[in-house]
């Protein structure tokens, strides 16, 4: 939902408000919802337009642990041979949901090719900060997986956007 640009409607004693979903997360186990004074009553997603698509992939542990090692979502808008706009969400990648904003900025307006893909991997490795988890994986392993996920998701989104 982070990559899709979702908003959340929150009911409060003062009335309802709509905020970007990213604003709900304050840190591990912490939310912008204050006890029983606020409650989520709706989610809003922008309608998809022509040449826009989204892709989600995750890597799970083979032992059946319900926690993903890593997941990635990409929303992409394509104009001809270039990436007109893009949003990339990676998780779990830190204390709260992570948008790869520097990677997104580096990709906007570029023609998608192997050089662009390698550049995207470099951007992502420069801004992502993965934690080691005994239930998921080491930070180094997650970094390697993030490169593969980025290639898979970005390529799939690029190809899907061409058909829309």
Protein backbone atom coordinates (compact mmCIF):
# COMPACT_ATOMS: atom_id res chain seq x y z
CA UNK A 1 0.00 0.00 0.00
CA UNK A 2 2.98 2.26 0.55
CA UNK A 3 4.14 1.85 -3.05
CA UNK A 4 0.61 2.41 -4.33
CA UNK A 5 0.35 5.80 -2.60
CA UNK A 6 -2.46 4.71 -0.26
CA UNK A 7 -4.16 7.02 2.21
CA UNK A 8 -5.94 6.06 5.41
CA UNK A 9 -9.13 7.54 6.82
CA UNK A 10 -8.98 7.86 10.58
CA UNK A 11 -12.01 8.55 12.78
CA UNK A 12 -11.29 10.75 15.80
CA UNK A 13 -13.55 12.41 18.36
CA UNK A 14 -13.01 15.67 16.42
CA UNK A 15 -14.00 14.12 13.08
CA UNK A 16 -12.45 12.08 10.30
CA UNK A 17 -9.14 12.83 8.65
CA UNK A 18 -7.32 11.29 5.69
CA UNK A 19 -3.53 10.91 5.89
CA UNK A 20 -0.87 9.14 3.79
CA UNK A 21 -0.40 5.59 5.10
CA UNK A 22 3.26 6.30 5.77
CA UNK A 23 2.32 8.76 8.53
CA UNK A 24 0.78 5.98 10.64
CA UNK A 25 4.14 4.39 11.46
CA UNK A 26 6.24 6.04 14.14
CA UNK A 27 8.63 3.16 14.91
CA UNK A 28 8.69 -0.46 16.05
CA UNK A 29 5.35 -1.18 17.69
CA UNK A 30 4.40 2.50 17.62
CA UNK A 31 1.54 4.01 15.67
CA UNK A 32 0.11 7.47 15.15
CA UNK A 33 -3.21 6.08 16.37
CA UNK A 34 -3.57 7.06 20.02
CA UNK A 35 -5.16 4.25 22.00
CA UNK A 36 -8.91 4.15 21.58
CA UNK A 37 -9.21 7.80 20.57
CA UNK A 38 -8.55 7.00 16.90
CA UNK A 39 -9.59 4.15 14.63
CA UNK A 40 -8.98 3.34 10.95
CA UNK A 41 -12.25 3.41 9.02
CA UNK A 42 -11.02 3.24 5.43
CA UNK A 43 -8.20 2.94 2.96
CA UNK A 44 -7.97 4.85 -0.32
CA UNK A 45 -5.92 3.91 -3.36
CA UNK A 46 -5.50 6.11 -6.43
CA UNK A 47 -7.13 4.68 -9.54
CA UNK A 48 -4.69 3.15 -11.99
CA UNK A 49 -4.22 5.01 -15.27
CA UNK A 50 -2.89 3.85 -18.63
CA UNK A 51 0.75 2.74 -18.59
CA UNK A 52 0.70 2.40 -14.79
CA UNK A 53 1.23 -0.89 -13.01
CA UNK A 54 2.36 -2.39 -9.76
CA UNK A 55 4.28 -5.50 -8.77
CA UNK A 56 4.76 -7.20 -5.40
CA UNK A 57 7.19 -10.00 -4.58
CA UNK A 58 8.33 -11.57 -1.33
CA UNK A 59 10.88 -14.09 -0.23
CA UNK A 60 9.84 -16.45 2.55
CA UNK A 61 11.81 -18.87 4.69
CA UNK A 62 11.46 -22.46 3.45
CA UNK A 63 10.88 -23.75 7.00
CA UNK A 64 7.40 -22.27 6.97
CA UNK A 65 7.99 -19.33 9.31
CA UNK A 66 5.21 -16.84 8.54
CA UNK A 67 7.56 -13.84 8.53
CA UNK A 68 8.96 -12.84 5.14
CA UNK A 69 12.71 -12.46 4.83
CA UNK A 70 12.15 -9.55 2.46
CA UNK A 71 9.44 -8.13 0.22
CA UNK A 72 9.26 -5.38 -2.35
CA UNK A 73 6.50 -3.49 -4.11
CA UNK A 74 6.94 -1.21 -7.10
CA UNK A 75 4.40 1.11 -8.67
CA UNK A 76 5.54 2.42 -12.06
CA UNK A 77 4.21 4.80 -14.70
CA UNK A 78 5.80 4.41 -18.10
CA UNK A 79 5.95 6.98 -20.91
CA UNK A 80 7.34 5.43 -24.06
CA UNK A 81 10.75 4.04 -23.24
CA UNK A 82 11.23 5.99 -20.02
CA UNK A 83 10.26 5.64 -16.39
CA UNK A 84 7.95 8.62 -15.90
CA UNK A 85 7.31 7.96 -12.21
CA UNK A 86 8.06 5.21 -9.72
CA UNK A 87 7.52 4.32 -6.06
CA UNK A 88 9.49 1.53 -4.37
CA UNK A 89 8.64 0.06 -0.96
CA UNK A 90 10.89 -2.50 0.74
CA UNK A 91 10.23 -4.38 3.92
CA UNK A 92 11.04 -5.33 6.49
CA UNK A 93 13.86 -2.86 6.10
CA UNK A 94 13.93 -0.94 9.34
CA UNK A 95 11.86 0.31 12.22
CA UNK A 96 9.04 1.44 9.93
CA UNK A 97 7.99 0.93 6.30
CA UNK A 98 10.71 2.04 3.91
CA UNK A 99 10.30 3.95 0.66
CA UNK A 100 13.44 3.94 -1.46
CA UNK A 101 13.11 7.63 -2.36
CA UNK A 102 16.70 8.16 -3.53
CA UNK A 103 16.39 5.17 -5.84
CA UNK A 104 13.08 6.51 -7.13
CA UNK A 105 14.59 9.94 -7.81
CA UNK A 106 17.52 8.37 -9.64
CA UNK A 107 15.22 6.39 -11.93
CA UNK A 108 12.64 9.03 -12.90
CA UNK A 109 12.98 10.08 -16.52
CA UNK A 110 15.49 7.38 -17.45
CA UNK A 111 15.18 4.90 -20.27
CA UNK A 112 14.87 1.40 -18.84
CA UNK A 113 17.83 -0.78 -19.84
CA UNK A 114 20.55 -2.87 -18.18
CA UNK A 115 22.56 0.23 -17.22
CA UNK A 116 19.52 1.78 -15.55
CA UNK A 117 18.90 -1.44 -13.67
CA UNK A 118 22.49 -1.55 -12.37
CA UNK A 119 22.24 2.11 -11.37
CA UNK A 120 19.02 1.33 -9.47
CA UNK A 121 20.77 -1.45 -7.56
CA UNK A 122 23.57 0.91 -6.62
CA UNK A 123 21.10 3.53 -5.38
CA UNK A 124 19.17 0.97 -3.35
CA UNK A 125 22.28 -0.50 -1.73
CA UNK A 126 23.31 3.04 -0.79
CA UNK A 127 20.09 3.93 1.00
CA UNK A 128 18.67 0.67 2.40
CA UNK A 129 19.58 -0.22 5.97
CA UNK A 130 18.52 -3.76 6.77
CA UNK A 131 18.57 -5.20 10.28
CA UNK A 132 19.67 -8.70 11.23
CA UNK A 133 16.85 -10.81 12.64
CA UNK A 134 17.17 -14.30 14.11
CA UNK A 135 13.72 -15.11 12.69
CA UNK A 136 14.30 -13.67 9.23
CA UNK A 137 17.87 -13.22 7.97
CA UNK A 138 21.10 -11.27 8.34
CA UNK A 139 21.34 -7.72 7.08
CA UNK A 140 23.99 -8.76 4.53
CA UNK A 141 21.76 -11.52 3.15
CA UNK A 142 18.81 -9.15 2.91
CA UNK A 143 20.96 -6.68 0.98
CA UNK A 144 21.84 -9.38 -1.57
CA UNK A 145 18.18 -10.40 -1.83
CA UNK A 146 17.10 -6.78 -2.29
CA UNK A 147 19.19 -6.58 -5.46
CA UNK A 148 17.49 -9.65 -6.93
CA UNK A 149 14.04 -8.46 -5.86
CA UNK A 150 14.65 -5.04 -7.38
CA UNK A 151 15.65 -6.57 -10.71
CA UNK A 152 12.66 -8.93 -10.70
CA UNK A 153 10.10 -6.33 -9.65
CA UNK A 154 11.37 -3.51 -11.84
CA UNK A 155 11.58 -5.73 -14.92
CA UNK A 156 8.09 -7.15 -14.31
CA UNK A 157 6.60 -3.68 -13.74
CA UNK A 158 8.30 -2.32 -16.88
CA UNK A 159 6.95 -5.15 -19.02
CA UNK A 160 3.44 -4.96 -17.53
CA UNK A 161 3.27 -1.20 -18.06
CA UNK A 162 3.99 -1.70 -21.77
CA UNK A 163 0.83 -3.74 -22.21
CA UNK A 164 -1.45 -1.21 -20.48
